[in-house]
Structure formats: structure tokens, C-alpha cells
């Protein structure tokens, strides 16, 4: 098994190596879009290794050392908009439950002492609301910009 899982890989935008052999790229979509972006035609290719919804991952418990979770952050955008094609969209009503379940699934598939990297843009839903829903406190991360990179660790449980 590869040591890294990206549960919302999309078009793998933030990956330096979009074919990294150590990563299982997962997403619920598999599509190629052509869209206009600032007057230029762009191709957006979403081609995961595994098609899966981040709320119900098809992986065994404690399978990965590192999990990347960059869920859609939009709730207000047209279904055919370039932003939705590129990033996806959360449901206006169920986003709190969806993100909570996604976070729980990411932690489930993490090995003990594994790291979860969570990326969030708080343009439409503030980070404080998301963290409250997930009932989680990051170890560290960026608090000041609009796009946040937060780091969590699945602590190894000790038998007492």
C-alpha cells in the first residue's frame, strides 16, 4: 500500500508531482472539463486512482501515514461554473455533517502517529465554523490568510 492518500485530489493542483508514486489519488469525480478562465481556455482533468467519496472511504483502518484533505469550500456557486468544475461544491444544507464525516474518515484511515493535512479556504464558510463542526483542534497551521493549511496528528492510543 502507498503511504499517502489524497482524499479530494481533484485535478491535483497543489501537487508538485501530479504522478507521485507514493500517493493514492482519490476523488468522487472522474471527468475532463474545458472551461474559460480569464479569457483563456483551460482543461481541468479529474482522474483519480480510486473513485471514492471522502465521507465513505474504501480503505482499511490505519492504512496511511499521511492523508491530504482539501474538500470543496464553495456552497454558493453555479453548478456549471468554472470554480465548481475545478474545486467541486458542498451542499448548502449538509456541509457540516459532510465535513465532520470526512474528517472522521480521514482519521480512521490514518496510522497511529500519522499526519492529516487539511486545506481550507474561508471565503464562504469561516474556518472557525468548520473546526467547530469537526470538533478538532489543529496542532499548527496558518491562521491569517484566506487559505489555511492545518496539521493534525492521530495520536497513538496507550492501553492503560
C-alpha atoms as a PDB file:
ATOM      1  CA  UNK A   1       0.000   0.000   0.000  1.00  0.00           C
ATOM      2  CA  UNK A   2       1.198   3.501  -0.811  1.00  0.00           C
ATOM      3  CA  UNK A   3       1.914   5.638   2.300  1.00  0.00           C
ATOM      4  CA  UNK A   4      -0.013   8.781   1.268  1.00  0.00           C
ATOM      5  CA  UNK A   5      -3.700   9.336   0.471  1.00  0.00           C
ATOM      6  CA  UNK A   6      -5.244  12.441  -1.081  1.00  0.00           C
ATOM      7  CA  UNK A   7      -8.996  12.001  -0.489  1.00  0.00           C
ATOM      8  CA  UNK A   8     -10.069  15.002  -2.588  1.00  0.00           C
ATOM      9  CA  UNK A   9      -7.411  15.048  -5.296  1.00  0.00           C
ATOM     10  CA  UNK A  10      -9.451  16.809  -7.983  1.00  0.00           C
ATOM     11  CA  UNK A  11      -7.019  17.931 -10.679  1.00  0.00           C
ATOM     12  CA  UNK A  12      -4.072  17.528  -8.255  1.00  0.00           C
ATOM     13  CA  UNK A  13      -3.422  21.272  -8.345  1.00  0.00           C
ATOM     14  CA  UNK A  14      -1.217  21.604  -5.283  1.00  0.00           C
ATOM     15  CA  UNK A  15       0.940  18.549  -6.018  1.00  0.00           C
ATOM     16  CA  UNK A  16       4.405  19.290  -7.383  1.00  0.00           C
ATOM     17  CA  UNK A  17       4.485  15.791  -8.858  1.00  0.00           C
ATOM     18  CA  UNK A  18       0.971  15.013 -10.098  1.00  0.00           C
ATOM     19  CA  UNK A  19       2.005  11.382 -10.693  1.00  0.00           C
ATOM     20  CA  UNK A  20       3.768  10.885  -7.344  1.00  0.00           C
ATOM     21  CA  UNK A  21       4.161   7.099  -6.990  1.00  0.00           C
ATOM     22  CA  UNK A  22       3.738   7.287  -3.194  1.00  0.00           C
ATOM     23  CA  UNK A  23       0.224   8.747  -3.343  1.00  0.00           C
ATOM     24  CA  UNK A  24      -3.203   7.206  -3.826  1.00  0.00           C
ATOM     25  CA  UNK A  25      -5.177   9.973  -5.519  1.00  0.00           C
ATOM     26  CA  UNK A  26      -8.896   9.675  -4.720  1.00  0.00           C
ATOM     27  CA  UNK A  27     -11.909  11.747  -5.696  1.00  0.00           C
ATOM     28  CA  UNK A  28     -15.623  11.164  -6.217  1.00  0.00           C
ATOM     29  CA  UNK A  29     -15.426  12.608  -9.728  1.00  0.00           C
ATOM     30  CA  UNK A  30     -13.713  11.407 -12.887  1.00  0.00           C
ATOM     31  CA  UNK A  31     -14.174  13.961 -15.636  1.00  0.00           C
ATOM     32  CA  UNK A  32     -12.397  16.245 -18.065  1.00  0.00           C
ATOM     33  CA  UNK A  33     -13.721  19.785 -18.424  1.00  0.00           C
ATOM     34  CA  UNK A  34     -12.893  22.577 -20.809  1.00  0.00           C
ATOM     35  CA  UNK A  35     -13.594  25.942 -19.241  1.00  0.00           C
ATOM     36  CA  UNK A  36     -12.861  29.586 -19.809  1.00  0.00           C
ATOM     37  CA  UNK A  37     -10.658  31.192 -17.160  1.00  0.00           C
ATOM     38  CA  UNK A  38      -9.818  34.874 -17.519  1.00  0.00           C
ATOM     39  CA  UNK A  39     -10.321  34.704 -21.264  1.00  0.00           C
ATOM     40  CA  UNK A  40      -8.234  31.563 -21.756  1.00  0.00           C
ATOM     41  CA  UNK A  41      -9.470  28.073 -22.453  1.00  0.00           C
ATOM     42  CA  UNK A  42      -8.345  25.678 -19.703  1.00  0.00           C
ATOM     43  CA  UNK A  43      -8.579  21.927 -19.429  1.00  0.00           C
ATOM     44  CA  UNK A  44      -9.391  20.540 -15.999  1.00  0.00           C
ATOM     45  CA  UNK A  45      -8.751  16.823 -15.716  1.00  0.00           C
ATOM     46  CA  UNK A  46     -10.020  14.951 -12.662  1.00  0.00           C
ATOM     47  CA  UNK A  47      -8.612  11.448 -12.991  1.00  0.00           C
ATOM     48  CA  UNK A  48      -8.287   9.718  -9.605  1.00  0.00           C
ATOM     49  CA  UNK A  49      -6.637   6.365  -8.977  1.00  0.00           C
ATOM     50  CA  UNK A  50      -9.651   5.461  -6.838  1.00  0.00           C
ATOM     51  CA  UNK A  51     -13.159   6.873  -7.230  1.00  0.00           C
ATOM     52  CA  UNK A  52     -14.496   7.393  -3.705  1.00  0.00           C
ATOM     53  CA  UNK A  53     -16.480   9.841  -1.620  1.00  0.00           C
ATOM     54  CA  UNK A  54     -14.429  11.305   1.245  1.00  0.00           C
ATOM     55  CA  UNK A  55     -17.331  10.546   3.594  1.00  0.00           C
ATOM     56  CA  UNK A  56     -17.045   6.803   2.995  1.00  0.00           C
ATOM     57  CA  UNK A  57     -13.509   5.774   2.072  1.00  0.00           C
ATOM     58  CA  UNK A  58     -12.912   2.238   0.751  1.00  0.00           C
ATOM     59  CA  UNK A  59      -9.674   1.771   2.699  1.00  0.00           C
ATOM     60  CA  UNK A  60      -8.875  -0.271   5.793  1.00  0.00           C
ATOM     61  CA  UNK A  61      -8.381   1.384   9.167  1.00  0.00           C
ATOM     62  CA  UNK A  62      -4.875   2.726   9.777  1.00  0.00           C
ATOM     63  CA  UNK A  63      -3.679   2.343   6.182  1.00  0.00           C
ATOM     64  CA  UNK A  64      -1.793   5.609   5.531  1.00  0.00           C
ATOM     65  CA  UNK A  65       0.991   7.639   7.150  1.00  0.00           C
ATOM     66  CA  UNK A  66      -0.214  10.918   5.609  1.00  0.00           C
ATOM     67  CA  UNK A  67      -3.681  11.998   4.455  1.00  0.00           C
ATOM     68  CA  UNK A  68      -4.382  15.187   2.495  1.00  0.00           C
ATOM     69  CA  UNK A  69      -7.935  16.555   2.824  1.00  0.00           C
ATOM     70  CA  UNK A  70      -8.777  19.552   0.644  1.00  0.00           C
ATOM     71  CA  UNK A  71     -12.580  19.412   0.424  1.00  0.00           C
ATOM     72  CA  UNK A  72     -14.645  21.770  -1.700  1.00  0.00           C
ATOM     73  CA  UNK A  73     -15.154  25.063   0.109  1.00  0.00           C
ATOM     74  CA  UNK A  74     -17.895  26.539  -2.061  1.00  0.00           C
ATOM     75  CA  UNK A  75     -21.590  26.438  -1.197  1.00  0.00           C
ATOM     76  CA  UNK A  76     -22.656  29.416  -3.315  1.00  0.00           C
ATOM     77  CA  UNK A  77     -21.697  28.927  -6.966  1.00  0.00           C
ATOM     78  CA  UNK A  78     -23.419  27.815 -10.137  1.00  0.00           C
ATOM     79  CA  UNK A  79     -23.225  24.084 -10.829  1.00  0.00           C
ATOM     80  CA  UNK A  80     -21.660  24.744 -14.244  1.00  0.00           C
ATOM     81  CA  UNK A  81     -19.289  27.487 -13.124  1.00  0.00           C
ATOM     82  CA  UNK A  82     -15.568  27.157 -13.737  1.00  0.00           C
ATOM     83  CA  UNK A  83     -14.920  27.272  -9.959  1.00  0.00           C
ATOM     84  CA  UNK A  84     -17.269  24.353  -9.283  1.00  0.00           C
ATOM     85  CA  UNK A  85     -15.751  22.349 -12.147  1.00  0.00           C
ATOM     86  CA  UNK A  86     -12.296  22.984 -10.712  1.00  0.00           C
ATOM     87  CA  UNK A  87     -12.965  22.619  -6.967  1.00  0.00           C
ATOM     88  CA  UNK A  88     -16.343  20.931  -6.530  1.00  0.00           C
ATOM     89  CA  UNK A  89     -19.119  22.224  -4.297  1.00  0.00           C
ATOM     90  CA  UNK A  90     -20.557  21.389  -0.882  1.00  0.00           C
ATOM     91  CA  UNK A  91     -24.264  21.041  -0.233  1.00  0.00           C
ATOM     92  CA  UNK A  92     -25.670  24.187   1.453  1.00  0.00           C
ATOM     93  CA  UNK A  93     -27.676  22.123   3.948  1.00  0.00           C
ATOM     94  CA  UNK A  94     -25.432  19.141   4.713  1.00  0.00           C
ATOM     95  CA  UNK A  95     -21.933  20.651   4.580  1.00  0.00           C
ATOM     96  CA  UNK A  96     -21.425  20.472   8.378  1.00  0.00           C
ATOM     97  CA  UNK A  97     -22.232  16.752   8.547  1.00  0.00           C
ATOM     98  CA  UNK A  98     -20.295  16.066   5.338  1.00  0.00           C
ATOM     99  CA  UNK A  99     -17.104  17.737   6.575  1.00  0.00           C
ATOM    100  CA  UNK A 100     -17.391  16.095  10.005  1.00  0.00           C
ATOM    101  CA  UNK A 101     -17.817  12.671   8.425  1.00  0.00           C
ATOM    102  CA  UNK A 102     -14.945  13.353   6.008  1.00  0.00           C
ATOM    103  CA  UNK A 103     -12.636  14.348   8.847  1.00  0.00           C
ATOM    104  CA  UNK A 104     -13.590  11.209  10.788  1.00  0.00           C
ATOM    105  CA  UNK A 105     -12.908   9.042   7.740  1.00  0.00           C
ATOM    106  CA  UNK A 106      -9.503  10.674   7.213  1.00  0.00           C
ATOM    107  CA  UNK A 107      -8.588   9.999  10.837  1.00  0.00           C
ATOM    108  CA  UNK A 108      -9.858   6.426  10.573  1.00  0.00           C
ATOM    109  CA  UNK A 109      -7.550   5.554   7.670  1.00  0.00           C
ATOM    110  CA  UNK A 110      -4.539   7.270   9.294  1.00  0.00           C
ATOM    111  CA  UNK A 111      -1.968   5.116  11.037  1.00  0.00           C
ATOM    112  CA  UNK A 112      -1.211   5.924  14.684  1.00  0.00           C
ATOM    113  CA  UNK A 113       1.061   8.965  14.801  1.00  0.00           C
ATOM    114  CA  UNK A 114       0.077   9.739  11.201  1.00  0.00           C
ATOM    115  CA  UNK A 115      -0.478  13.259   9.919  1.00  0.00           C
ATOM    116  CA  UNK A 116      -3.598  14.785   8.399  1.00  0.00           C
ATOM    117  CA  UNK A 117      -3.082  17.905   6.291  1.00  0.00           C
ATOM    118  CA  UNK A 118      -6.304  19.899   5.956  1.00  0.00           C
ATOM    119  CA  UNK A 119      -6.590  22.749   3.443  1.00  0.00           C
ATOM    120  CA  UNK A 120      -9.459  25.218   3.680  1.00  0.00           C
ATOM    121  CA  UNK A 121     -10.391  28.498   2.026  1.00  0.00           C
ATOM    122  CA  UNK A 122     -12.771  30.511   4.203  1.00  0.00           C
ATOM    123  CA  UNK A 123     -14.229  32.729   1.509  1.00  0.00           C
ATOM    124  CA  UNK A 124     -17.756  31.336   2.031  1.00  0.00           C
ATOM    125  CA  UNK A 125     -17.555  29.347   5.293  1.00  0.00           C
ATOM    126  CA  UNK A 126     -15.235  30.596   8.003  1.00  0.00           C
ATOM    127  CA  UNK A 127     -12.568  28.249   9.327  1.00  0.00           C
ATOM    128  CA  UNK A 128     -13.804  28.635  12.922  1.00  0.00           C
ATOM    129  CA  UNK A 129     -17.187  27.163  11.904  1.00  0.00           C
ATOM    130  CA  UNK A 130     -15.504  24.242  10.139  1.00  0.00           C
ATOM    131  CA  UNK A 131     -13.270  23.431  13.124  1.00  0.00           C
ATOM    132  CA  UNK A 132     -16.260  23.600  15.461  1.00  0.00           C
ATOM    133  CA  UNK A 133     -18.166  21.137  13.278  1.00  0.00           C
ATOM    134  CA  UNK A 134     -15.186  18.767  13.075  1.00  0.00           C
ATOM    135  CA  UNK A 135     -14.642  19.079  16.837  1.00  0.00           C
ATOM    136  CA  UNK A 136     -10.914  19.185  16.239  1.00  0.00           C
ATOM    137  CA  UNK A 137      -8.046  21.465  17.114  1.00  0.00           C
ATOM    138  CA  UNK A 138      -5.060  21.531  14.777  1.00  0.00           C
ATOM    139  CA  UNK A 139      -1.519  21.202  16.046  1.00  0.00           C
ATOM    140  CA  UNK A 140      -0.442  24.165  13.954  1.00  0.00           C
ATOM    141  CA  UNK A 141      -1.212  25.966  10.712  1.00  0.00           C
ATOM    142  CA  UNK A 142      -1.844  29.291   9.080  1.00  0.00           C
ATOM    143  CA  UNK A 143      -4.428  31.398  10.927  1.00  0.00           C
ATOM    144  CA  UNK A 144      -4.221  34.642   8.989  1.00  0.00           C
ATOM    145  CA  UNK A 145      -4.655  34.113   5.265  1.00  0.00           C
ATOM    146  CA  UNK A 146      -7.857  33.173   3.437  1.00  0.00           C
ATOM    147  CA  UNK A 147      -6.446  29.778   2.527  1.00  0.00           C
ATOM    148  CA  UNK A 148      -5.438  27.754   5.567  1.00  0.00           C
ATOM    149  CA  UNK A 149      -3.125  24.745   5.774  1.00  0.00           C
ATOM    150  CA  UNK A 150      -3.723  22.950   9.069  1.00  0.00           C
ATOM    151  CA  UNK A 151      -1.950  19.917  10.505  1.00  0.00           C
ATOM    152  CA  UNK A 152      -3.440  17.256  12.746  1.00  0.00           C
ATOM    153  CA  UNK A 153      -1.872  14.128  14.185  1.00  0.00           C
ATOM    154  CA  UNK A 154      -3.578  10.879  15.069  1.00  0.00           C
ATOM    155  CA  UNK A 155      -2.021  10.190  18.430  1.00  0.00           C
ATOM    156  CA  UNK A 156      -1.190   6.612  19.274  1.00  0.00           C
ATOM    157  CA  UNK A 157      -3.548   5.391  21.946  1.00  0.00           C
ATOM    158  CA  UNK A 158      -1.958   3.894  25.038  1.00  0.00           C
ATOM    159  CA  UNK A 159      -3.561   0.909  26.753  1.00  0.00           C
ATOM    160  CA  UNK A 160      -3.956   1.740  30.429  1.00  0.00           C
END
